[in-house]
Amino acid sequence: MSDPEGKATEPGTAPLFRDEIVSLFLDDATKKAADGFLTVFPPIKQMIKVRTRYLDDRLDEQLRQGFRQVVVLGSGFDTRSIRKQTAGVNYFEIDDPGTLNFKKARLEANNIRAGTNYISGDYVSDDLNTLLESGGFDFSLPAHFIWEGNTMYLTADSVRQVMINIAKRVERVTLAFDYMAPEVIAKSTGDPAITALVESFAAMGAPWTFGIGNLQELARQAGMSILENRKTADLYRDYRPDGIIDTPLYGLYSLCTLEGAR
């Protein structure tokens, strides 16, 4: 589902973003898996583009406001530390050592300097703040956290605890992430295509296990507040006014930004 240049499918429209780095990490297996999801659920390609654009925009906004630390949780092949390099800004990426080592090797082989603090570990089972400390993170400085494509694979307790860990230690923080509605996880939307998509992730060994029904309450429990909460459908209408909403999943998949201050 990666699109190296972020090209739009609609003719005559500008790309929502550009990413000429991510293709370095793709192989035949990952491309085949992406093609499989597109076959099951074609709208997912545009939804991923909307997600990337939203998270890019929120990062740009926080950088303009003077945030100089950016943390990417479960970073995978995120390329923002390269695409969004900014003088004086420190990026921290947390993921398993296999993923990070592969990523670093591919970048080095192509003479690309990411300028990233790579932190090997599991931000859920390991202590998140200990991981951040080991990477040189400064809890007294404002920080923007990006949590992309992760929450639906976790549990309610894990999601809540990650948010609590961030809010209780960082002096000033914003957290941008995506989430599914509970009925998507429960396969109770009544839409066969959405159910097929959920089942395809489960068949791949990566089941979706958690959806957020009340973001305001979850934020309150974590000691945070909502800055923005947008359904993918609304974002898509903003980015592509003439685009076609061709699945109810656009209204059941959201992106948000929370904030917290000690």
C-alpha atoms as a PDB file:
ATOM      1  CA  MET A   1       0.000   0.000   0.000  1.00  0.00           C
ATOM      2  CA  SER A   2       3.010   2.261  -0.198  1.00  0.00           C
ATOM      3  CA  ASP A   3       3.014   4.893  -2.906  1.00  0.00           C
ATOM      4  CA  PRO A   4       6.555   6.276  -3.317  1.00  0.00           C
ATOM      5  CA  GLU A   5       5.426   9.541  -4.859  1.00  0.00           C
ATOM      6  CA  GLY A   6       2.043   9.824  -3.213  1.00  0.00           C
ATOM      7  CA  LYS A   7       0.434  10.203  -6.619  1.00  0.00           C
ATOM      8  CA  ALA A   8      -3.309  10.652  -6.736  1.00  0.00           C
ATOM      9  CA  THR A   9      -5.417   8.297  -8.801  1.00  0.00           C
ATOM     10  CA  GLU A  10      -7.731  11.051  -9.989  1.00  0.00           C
ATOM     11  CA  PRO A  11      -6.435  12.650 -13.204  1.00  0.00           C
ATOM     12  CA  GLY A  12      -5.506  16.311 -13.038  1.00  0.00           C
ATOM     13  CA  THR A  13      -4.973  16.379  -9.274  1.00  0.00           C
ATOM     14  CA  ALA A  14      -1.729  17.071  -7.431  1.00  0.00           C
ATOM     15  CA  PRO A  15      -0.239  14.356  -5.212  1.00  0.00           C
ATOM     16  CA  LEU A  16      -1.195  14.589  -1.550  1.00  0.00           C
ATOM     17  CA  PHE A  17       2.455  14.042  -0.597  1.00  0.00           C
ATOM     18  CA  ARG A  18       5.720  12.859  -2.076  1.00  0.00           C
ATOM     19  CA  ASP A  19       7.851  10.045  -0.702  1.00  0.00           C
ATOM     20  CA  GLU A  20      10.706   8.921  -2.913  1.00  0.00           C
ATOM     21  CA  ILE A  21      12.462   7.124  -0.029  1.00  0.00           C
ATOM     22  CA  VAL A  22      10.013   4.390   0.987  1.00  0.00           C
ATOM     23  CA  SER A  23      10.596   2.378  -2.211  1.00  0.00           C
ATOM     24  CA  LEU A  24      14.093   1.567  -0.892  1.00  0.00           C
ATOM     25  CA  PHE A  25      12.504  -0.649   1.752  1.00  0.00           C
ATOM     26  CA  LEU A  26      10.113  -2.567  -0.488  1.00  0.00           C
ATOM     27  CA  ASP A  27      10.708  -6.007  -1.946  1.00  0.00           C
ATOM     28  CA  ASP A  28       8.616  -8.471  -3.916  1.00  0.00           C
ATOM     29  CA  ALA A  29       6.996  -9.860  -0.756  1.00  0.00           C
ATOM     30  CA  THR A  30       5.857  -6.489   0.565  1.00  0.00           C
ATOM     31  CA  LYS A  31       4.619  -5.425  -2.849  1.00  0.00           C
ATOM     32  CA  LYS A  32       2.676  -8.668  -3.207  1.00  0.00           C
ATOM     33  CA  ALA A  33       1.089  -8.174   0.225  1.00  0.00           C
ATOM     34  CA  ALA A  34       0.107  -4.601  -0.674  1.00  0.00           C
ATOM     35  CA  ASP A  35      -1.390  -5.734  -3.952  1.00  0.00           C
ATOM     36  CA  GLY A  36      -3.365  -8.354  -2.056  1.00  0.00           C
ATOM     37  CA  PHE A  37      -4.985  -5.752   0.195  1.00  0.00           C
ATOM     38  CA  LEU A  38      -5.777  -3.564  -2.812  1.00  0.00           C
ATOM     39  CA  THR A  39      -7.509  -6.497  -4.483  1.00  0.00           C
ATOM     40  CA  VAL A  40      -9.634  -7.130  -1.393  1.00  0.00           C
ATOM     41  CA  PHE A  41     -10.351  -3.460  -0.686  1.00  0.00           C
ATOM     42  CA  PRO A  42      -9.285  -0.938  -3.381  1.00  0.00           C
ATOM     43  CA  PRO A  43     -10.251   2.227  -1.393  1.00  0.00           C
ATOM     44  CA  ILE A  44      -7.507   1.504   1.146  1.00  0.00           C
ATOM     45  CA  LYS A  45      -4.916   3.110  -1.148  1.00  0.00           C
ATOM     46  CA  GLN A  46      -6.566   6.533  -1.005  1.00  0.00           C
ATOM     47  CA  MET A  47      -7.208   6.171   2.716  1.00  0.00           C
ATOM     48  CA  ILE A  48      -3.517   5.552   3.379  1.00  0.00           C
ATOM     49  CA  LYS A  49      -2.686   8.646   1.335  1.00  0.00           C
ATOM     50  CA  VAL A  50      -5.120  10.729   3.370  1.00  0.00           C
ATOM     51  CA  ARG A  51      -3.575   9.381   6.580  1.00  0.00           C
ATOM     52  CA  THR A  52      -0.056  10.249   5.444  1.00  0.00           C
ATOM     53  CA  ARG A  53      -1.064  13.748   4.386  1.00  0.00           C
ATOM     54  CA  TYR A  54      -2.859  14.451   7.657  1.00  0.00           C
ATOM     55  CA  LEU A  55       0.071  13.308   9.785  1.00  0.00           C
ATOM     56  CA  ASP A  56       2.489  15.263   7.585  1.00  0.00           C
ATOM     57  CA  ASP A  57       0.384  18.401   8.001  1.00  0.00           C
ATOM     58  CA  ARG A  58       0.207  18.025  11.781  1.00  0.00           C
ATOM     59  CA  LEU A  59       3.973  17.540  11.952  1.00  0.00           C
ATOM     60  CA  ASP A  60       4.552  20.635   9.838  1.00  0.00           C
ATOM     61  CA  GLU A  61       2.281  22.599  12.152  1.00  0.00           C
ATOM     62  CA  GLN A  62       4.122  21.512  15.299  1.00  0.00           C
ATOM     63  CA  LEU A  63       7.486  22.308  13.728  1.00  0.00           C
ATOM     64  CA  ARG A  64       6.215  25.796  12.914  1.00  0.00           C
ATOM     65  CA  GLN A  65       5.209  26.165  16.550  1.00  0.00           C
ATOM     66  CA  GLY A  66       8.753  25.425  17.662  1.00  0.00           C
ATOM     67  CA  PHE A  67       8.615  21.763  18.611  1.00  0.00           C
ATOM     68  CA  ARG A  68      12.141  20.377  18.288  1.00  0.00           C
ATOM     69  CA  GLN A  69      11.597  16.722  19.223  1.00  0.00           C
ATOM     70  CA  VAL A  70       9.599  14.257  17.118  1.00  0.00           C
ATOM     71  CA  VAL A  71       8.956  10.682  18.250  1.00  0.00           C
ATOM     72  CA  VAL A  72       7.628   8.005  15.886  1.00  0.00           C
ATOM     73  CA  LEU A  73       6.170   5.022  17.753  1.00  0.00           C
ATOM     74  CA  GLY A  74       6.305   1.689  15.932  1.00  0.00           C
ATOM     75  CA  SER A  75       8.066   3.590  13.168  1.00  0.00           C
ATOM     76  CA  GLY A  76       8.449   0.804  10.629  1.00  0.00           C
ATOM     77  CA  PHE A  77       9.537   2.395   7.352  1.00  0.00           C
ATOM     78  CA  ASP A  78       8.443   5.921   8.245  1.00  0.00           C
ATOM     79  CA  THR A  79      10.466   8.447   6.226  1.00  0.00           C
ATOM     80  CA  ARG A  80       9.562  11.745   7.903  1.00  0.00           C
ATOM     81  CA  SER A  81      12.979  12.173   9.500  1.00  0.00           C
ATOM     82  CA  ILE A  82      14.281  12.476   5.928  1.00  0.00           C
ATOM     83  CA  ARG A  83      11.368  14.158   4.181  1.00  0.00           C
ATOM     84  CA  LYS A  84      10.839  16.625   7.027  1.00  0.00           C
ATOM     85  CA  GLN A  85      14.426  17.277   8.097  1.00  0.00           C
ATOM     86  CA  THR A  86      14.578  20.614   9.908  1.00  0.00           C
ATOM     87  CA  ALA A  87      17.567  22.300  11.486  1.00  0.00           C
ATOM     88  CA  GLY A  88      17.656  21.776  15.248  1.00  0.00           C
ATOM     89  CA  VAL A  89      14.944  19.092  15.250  1.00  0.00           C
ATOM     90  CA  ASN A  90      15.707  15.688  16.760  1.00  0.00           C
ATOM     91  CA  TYR A  91      13.804  12.641  15.521  1.00  0.00           C
ATOM     92  CA  PHE A  92      13.414   9.459  17.579  1.00  0.00           C
ATOM     93  CA  GLU A  93      12.120   6.212  16.066  1.00  0.00           C
ATOM     94  CA  ILE A  94      11.133   3.244  18.208  1.00  0.00           C
ATOM     95  CA  ASP A  95      10.709  -0.222  16.725  1.00  0.00           C
ATOM     96  CA  ASP A  96      12.131  -3.736  16.922  1.00  0.00           C
ATOM     97  CA  PRO A  97      15.858  -4.082  16.168  1.00  0.00           C
ATOM     98  CA  GLY A  98      15.319  -6.141  13.014  1.00  0.00           C
ATOM     99  CA  THR A  99      13.206  -3.430  11.397  1.00  0.00           C
ATOM    100  CA  LEU A 100      15.505  -0.592  12.438  1.00  0.00           C
ATOM    101  CA  ASN A 101      18.697  -2.391  11.381  1.00  0.00           C
ATOM    102  CA  PHE A 102      17.235  -3.193   7.966  1.00  0.00           C
ATOM    103  CA  LYS A 103      16.100   0.393   7.567  1.00  0.00           C
ATOM    104  CA  LYS A 104      19.482   1.827   8.547  1.00  0.00           C
ATOM    105  CA  ALA A 105      21.306  -0.563   6.206  1.00  0.00           C
ATOM    106  CA  ARG A 106      19.143   0.380   3.228  1.00  0.00           C
ATOM    107  CA  LEU A 107      19.596   4.095   3.878  1.00  0.00           C
ATOM    108  CA  GLU A 108      23.356   3.754   4.297  1.00  0.00           C
ATOM    109  CA  ALA A 109      23.596   1.704   1.102  1.00  0.00           C
ATOM    110  CA  ASN A 110      21.973   4.599  -0.733  1.00  0.00           C
ATOM    111  CA  ASN A 111      24.052   7.301   0.988  1.00  0.00           C
ATOM    112  CA  ILE A 112      21.028   8.800   2.733  1.00  0.00           C
ATOM    113  CA  ARG A 113      21.483  10.336   6.146  1.00  0.00           C
ATOM    114  CA  ALA A 114      18.338  10.268   8.237  1.00  0.00           C
ATOM    115  CA  GLY A 115      19.684  12.065  11.289  1.00  0.00           C
ATOM    116  CA  THR A 116      17.467   9.881  13.467  1.00  0.00           C
ATOM    117  CA  ASN A 117      17.912   8.509  16.976  1.00  0.00           C
ATOM    118  CA  TYR A 118      16.950   4.852  16.485  1.00  0.00           C
ATOM    119  CA  ILE A 119      15.703   3.187  19.672  1.00  0.00           C
ATOM    120  CA  SER A 120      15.325  -0.598  19.613  1.00  0.00           C
ATOM    121  CA  GLY A 121      12.525  -1.900  21.785  1.00  0.00           C
ATOM    122  CA  ASP A 122       8.826  -2.572  22.222  1.00  0.00           C
ATOM    123  CA  TYR A 123       7.142   0.655  23.285  1.00  0.00           C
ATOM    124  CA  VAL A 124       4.213  -1.367  24.682  1.00  0.00           C
ATOM    125  CA  SER A 125       5.889  -4.119  26.726  1.00  0.00           C
ATOM    126  CA  ASP A 126       9.050  -2.193  27.558  1.00  0.00           C
ATOM    127  CA  ASP A 127       8.854   0.994  29.593  1.00  0.00           C
ATOM    128  CA  LEU A 128       8.345   3.707  26.986  1.00  0.00           C
ATOM    129  CA  ASN A 129       9.957   6.467  29.016  1.00  0.00           C
ATOM    130  CA  THR A 130      13.010   4.325  29.753  1.00  0.00           C
ATOM    131  CA  LEU A 131      13.371   3.704  26.024  1.00  0.00           C
ATOM    132  CA  LEU A 132      13.159   7.422  25.338  1.00  0.00           C
ATOM    133  CA  GLU A 133      15.755   8.197  28.000  1.00  0.00           C
ATOM    134  CA  SER A 134      18.134   5.666  26.454  1.00  0.00           C
ATOM    135  CA  GLY A 135      17.875   7.533  23.138  1.00  0.00           C
ATOM    136  CA  GLY A 136      18.673  10.954  24.572  1.00  0.00           C
ATOM    137  CA  PHE A 137      15.118  12.303  24.637  1.00  0.00           C
ATOM    138  CA  ASP A 138      14.676  15.480  26.739  1.00  0.00           C
ATOM    139  CA  PHE A 139      11.415  15.336  28.709  1.00  0.00           C
ATOM    140  CA  SER A 140      11.630  19.045  29.548  1.00  0.00           C
ATOM    141  CA  LEU A 141      11.288  20.090  25.901  1.00  0.00           C
ATOM    142  CA  PRO A 142       8.085  20.081  23.785  1.00  0.00           C
ATOM    143  CA  ALA A 143       7.662  16.949  21.701  1.00  0.00           C
ATOM    144  CA  HIS A 144       5.366  15.775  18.929  1.00  0.00           C
ATOM    145  CA  PHE A 145       4.541  12.048  18.820  1.00  0.00           C
ATOM    146  CA  ILE A 146       3.400  10.249  15.662  1.00  0.00           C
ATOM    147  CA  TRP A 147       1.548   6.966  16.161  1.00  0.00           C
ATOM    148  CA  GLU A 148       0.633   5.750  12.708  1.00  0.00           C
ATOM    149  CA  GLY A 149      -1.122   2.486  11.902  1.00  0.00           C
ATOM    150  CA  ASN A 150      -0.677   1.026  15.392  1.00  0.00           C
ATOM    151  CA  THR A 151      -3.682   1.431  17.690  1.00  0.00           C
ATOM    152  CA  MET A 152      -5.940  -1.082  15.958  1.00  0.00           C
ATOM    153  CA  TYR A 153      -3.416  -3.875  16.621  1.00  0.00           C
ATOM    154  CA  LEU A 154      -3.241  -3.240  20.375  1.00  0.00           C
ATOM    155  CA  THR A 155      -5.576  -3.574  23.365  1.00  0.00           C
ATOM    156  CA  ALA A 156      -7.562  -0.841  25.097  1.00  0.00           C
ATOM    157  CA  ASP A 157      -5.288  -1.072  28.141  1.00  0.00           C
ATOM    158  CA  SER A 158      -2.126  -0.860  26.021  1.00  0.00           C
ATOM    159  CA  VAL A 159      -3.341   2.192  24.093  1.00  0.00           C
ATOM    160  CA  ARG A 160      -4.378   3.940  27.301  1.00  0.00           C
ATOM    161  CA  GLN A 161      -1.081   3.152  29.022  1.00  0.00           C
ATOM    162  CA  VAL A 162       1.017   4.453  26.138  1.00  0.00           C
ATOM    163  CA  MET A 163      -0.897   7.714  26.284  1.00  0.00           C
ATOM    164  CA  ILE A 164      -0.528   7.939  30.063  1.00  0.00           C
ATOM    165  CA  ASN A 165       3.217   7.287  29.863  1.00  0.00           C
ATOM    166  CA  ILE A 166       3.632  10.111  27.367  1.00  0.00           C
ATOM    167  CA  ALA A 167       1.441  12.616  29.211  1.00  0.00           C
ATOM    168  CA  LYS A 168       2.893  12.052  32.670  1.00  0.00           C
ATOM    169  CA  ARG A 169       6.534  12.706  31.769  1.00  0.00           C
ATOM    170  CA  VAL A 170       6.765  15.064  28.792  1.00  0.00           C
ATOM    171  CA  GLU A 171       6.496  18.727  29.787  1.00  0.00           C
ATOM    172  CA  ARG A 172       4.475  19.638  26.676  1.00  0.00           C
ATOM    173  CA  VAL A 173       3.306  17.091  24.118  1.00  0.00           C
ATOM    174  CA  THR A 174       1.116  16.578  21.101  1.00  0.00           C
ATOM    175  CA  LEU A 175       0.158  13.102  19.876  1.00  0.00           C
ATOM    176  CA  ALA A 176      -1.223  12.420  16.383  1.00  0.00           C
ATOM    177  CA  PHE A 177      -2.629   9.008  15.491  1.00  0.00           C
ATOM    178  CA  ASP A 178      -5.258   7.064  13.557  1.00  0.00           C
ATOM    179  CA  TYR A 179      -7.925   4.707  14.843  1.00  0.00           C
ATOM    180  CA  MET A 180     -10.823   2.506  13.775  1.00  0.00           C
ATOM    181  CA  ALA A 181     -14.387   2.553  15.108  1.00  0.00           C
ATOM    182  CA  PRO A 182     -15.293  -0.447  17.329  1.00  0.00           C
ATOM    183  CA  GLU A 183     -17.831  -1.805  14.817  1.00  0.00           C
ATOM    184  CA  VAL A 184     -15.052  -2.250  12.257  1.00  0.00           C
ATOM    185  CA  ILE A 185     -13.109  -4.425  14.681  1.00  0.00           C
ATOM    186  CA  ALA A 186     -16.253  -6.348  15.607  1.00  0.00           C
ATOM    187  CA  LYS A 187     -17.090  -6.871  11.912  1.00  0.00           C
ATOM    188  CA  SER A 188     -20.556  -5.491  12.593  1.00  0.00           C
ATOM    189  CA  THR A 189     -20.683  -2.680  10.009  1.00  0.00           C
ATOM    190  CA  GLY A 190     -22.909  -4.694   7.700  1.00  0.00           C
ATOM    191  CA  ASP A 191     -20.537  -3.994   4.818  1.00  0.00           C
ATOM    192  CA  PRO A 192     -19.067  -7.211   3.333  1.00  0.00           C
ATOM    193  CA  ALA A 193     -16.050  -5.403   1.867  1.00  0.00           C
ATOM    194  CA  ILE A 194     -15.041  -3.973   5.245  1.00  0.00           C
ATOM    195  CA  THR A 195     -15.427  -7.383   6.860  1.00  0.00           C
ATOM    196  CA  ALA A 196     -13.273  -8.915   4.120  1.00  0.00           C
ATOM    197  CA  LEU A 197     -10.563  -6.321   4.778  1.00  0.00           C
ATOM    198  CA  VAL A 198     -10.537  -7.024   8.525  1.00  0.00           C
ATOM    199  CA  GLU A 199     -10.362 -10.760   7.841  1.00  0.00           C
ATOM    200  CA  SER A 200      -7.498 -10.299   5.377  1.00  0.00           C
ATOM    201  CA  PHE A 201      -5.349  -8.640   8.047  1.00  0.00           C
ATOM    202  CA  ALA A 202      -6.187 -11.453  10.467  1.00  0.00           C
ATOM    203  CA  ALA A 203      -5.254 -14.061   7.856  1.00  0.00           C
ATOM    204  CA  MET A 204      -1.889 -12.362   7.467  1.00  0.00           C
ATOM    205  CA  GLY A 205      -1.258 -12.778  11.201  1.00  0.00           C
ATOM    206  CA  ALA A 206      -1.894  -9.122  12.075  1.00  0.00           C
ATOM    207  CA  PRO A 207      -5.474  -8.989  13.414  1.00  0.00           C
ATOM    208  CA  TRP A 208      -7.166  -5.729  14.298  1.00  0.00           C
ATOM    209  CA  THR A 209      -8.132  -5.964  17.965  1.00  0.00           C
ATOM    210  CA  PHE A 210      -9.142  -2.512  19.194  1.00  0.00           C
ATOM    211  CA  GLY A 211     -11.350   0.354  18.074  1.00  0.00           C
ATOM    212  CA  ILE A 212     -12.000   3.652  19.826  1.00  0.00           C
ATOM    213  CA  GLY A 213     -15.606   4.612  20.435  1.00  0.00           C
ATOM    214  CA  ASN A 214     -15.144   7.530  22.828  1.00  0.00           C
ATOM    215  CA  LEU A 215     -11.933   9.426  22.136  1.00  0.00           C
ATOM    216  CA  GLN A 216     -12.784  12.195  24.587  1.00  0.00           C
ATOM    217  CA  GLU A 217     -13.049   9.768  27.494  1.00  0.00           C
ATOM    218  CA  LEU A 218      -9.860   7.977  26.505  1.00  0.00           C
ATOM    219  CA  ALA A 219      -8.008  11.286  26.333  1.00  0.00           C
ATOM    220  CA  ARG A 220      -9.388  12.300  29.729  1.00  0.00           C
ATOM    221  CA  GLN A 221      -8.199   9.048  31.303  1.00  0.00           C
ATOM    222  CA  ALA A 222      -4.710   9.719  29.939  1.00  0.00           C
ATOM    223  CA  GLY A 223      -4.636  13.317  31.154  1.00  0.00           C
ATOM    224  CA  MET A 224      -4.790  14.750  27.652  1.00  0.00           C
ATOM    225  CA  SER A 225      -7.264  16.786  25.612  1.00  0.00           C
ATOM    226  CA  ILE A 226      -8.380  16.717  21.977  1.00  0.00           C
ATOM    227  CA  LEU A 227      -6.941  19.300  19.618  1.00  0.00           C
ATOM    228  CA  GLU A 228      -8.516  17.779  16.518  1.00  0.00           C
ATOM    229  CA  ASN A 229     -10.542  14.711  15.608  1.00  0.00           C
ATOM    230  CA  ARG A 230     -11.397  14.136  11.945  1.00  0.00           C
ATOM    231  CA  LYS A 231     -13.043  11.298  10.072  1.00  0.00           C
ATOM    232  CA  THR A 232     -11.196  10.205   6.963  1.00  0.00           C
ATOM    233  CA  ALA A 233     -14.300  11.100   4.939  1.00  0.00           C
ATOM    234  CA  ASP A 234     -14.070  14.748   6.003  1.00  0.00           C
ATOM    235  CA  LEU A 235     -10.340  14.911   5.320  1.00  0.00           C
ATOM    236  CA  TYR A 236     -10.830  13.326   1.912  1.00  0.00           C
ATOM    237  CA  ARG A 237     -13.454  15.944   1.036  1.00  0.00           C
ATOM    238  CA  ASP A 238     -10.963  18.643   2.063  1.00  0.00           C
ATOM    239  CA  TYR A 239      -8.122  17.183   0.016  1.00  0.00           C
ATOM    240  CA  ARG A 240     -10.188  15.897  -2.915  1.00  0.00           C
ATOM    241  CA  PRO A 241     -13.412  17.972  -3.193  1.00  0.00           C
ATOM    242  CA  ASP A 242     -14.329  16.177  -6.402  1.00  0.00           C
ATOM    243  CA  GLY A 243     -13.337  12.723  -5.151  1.00  0.00           C
ATOM    244  CA  ILE A 244     -15.726   9.840  -4.617  1.00  0.00           C
ATOM    245  CA  ILE A 245     -16.406   8.344  -1.180  1.00  0.00           C
ATOM    246  CA  ASP A 246     -16.790   4.750  -2.283  1.00  0.00           C
ATOM    247  CA  THR A 247     -16.936   2.926   1.067  1.00  0.00           C
ATOM    248  CA  PRO A 248     -18.514   3.578   4.485  1.00  0.00           C
ATOM    249  CA  LEU A 249     -15.095   2.885   6.037  1.00  0.00           C
ATOM    250  CA  TYR A 250     -14.186   6.526   5.338  1.00  0.00           C
ATOM    251  CA  GLY A 251     -16.661   7.415   8.086  1.00  0.00           C
ATOM    252  CA  LEU A 252     -15.383   4.752  10.478  1.00  0.00           C
ATOM    253  CA  TYR A 253     -11.667   5.497  10.304  1.00  0.00           C
ATOM    254  CA  SER A 254     -10.399   8.671  11.967  1.00  0.00           C
ATOM    255  CA  LEU A 255      -7.277  10.721  12.588  1.00  0.00           C
ATOM    256  CA  CYS A 256      -6.752  12.904  15.605  1.00  0.00           C
ATOM    257  CA  THR A 257      -4.295  15.037  17.530  1.00  0.00           C
ATOM    258  CA  LEU A 258      -4.241  15.215  21.323  1.00  0.00           C
ATOM    259  CA  GLU A 259      -2.254  17.519  23.589  1.00  0.00           C
ATOM    260  CA  GLY A 260      -0.991  17.389  27.124  1.00  0.00           C
ATOM    261  CA  ALA A 261       1.048  19.559  29.472  1.00  0.00           C
ATOM    262  CA  ARG A 262       2.389  18.897  32.938  1.00  0.00           C
END
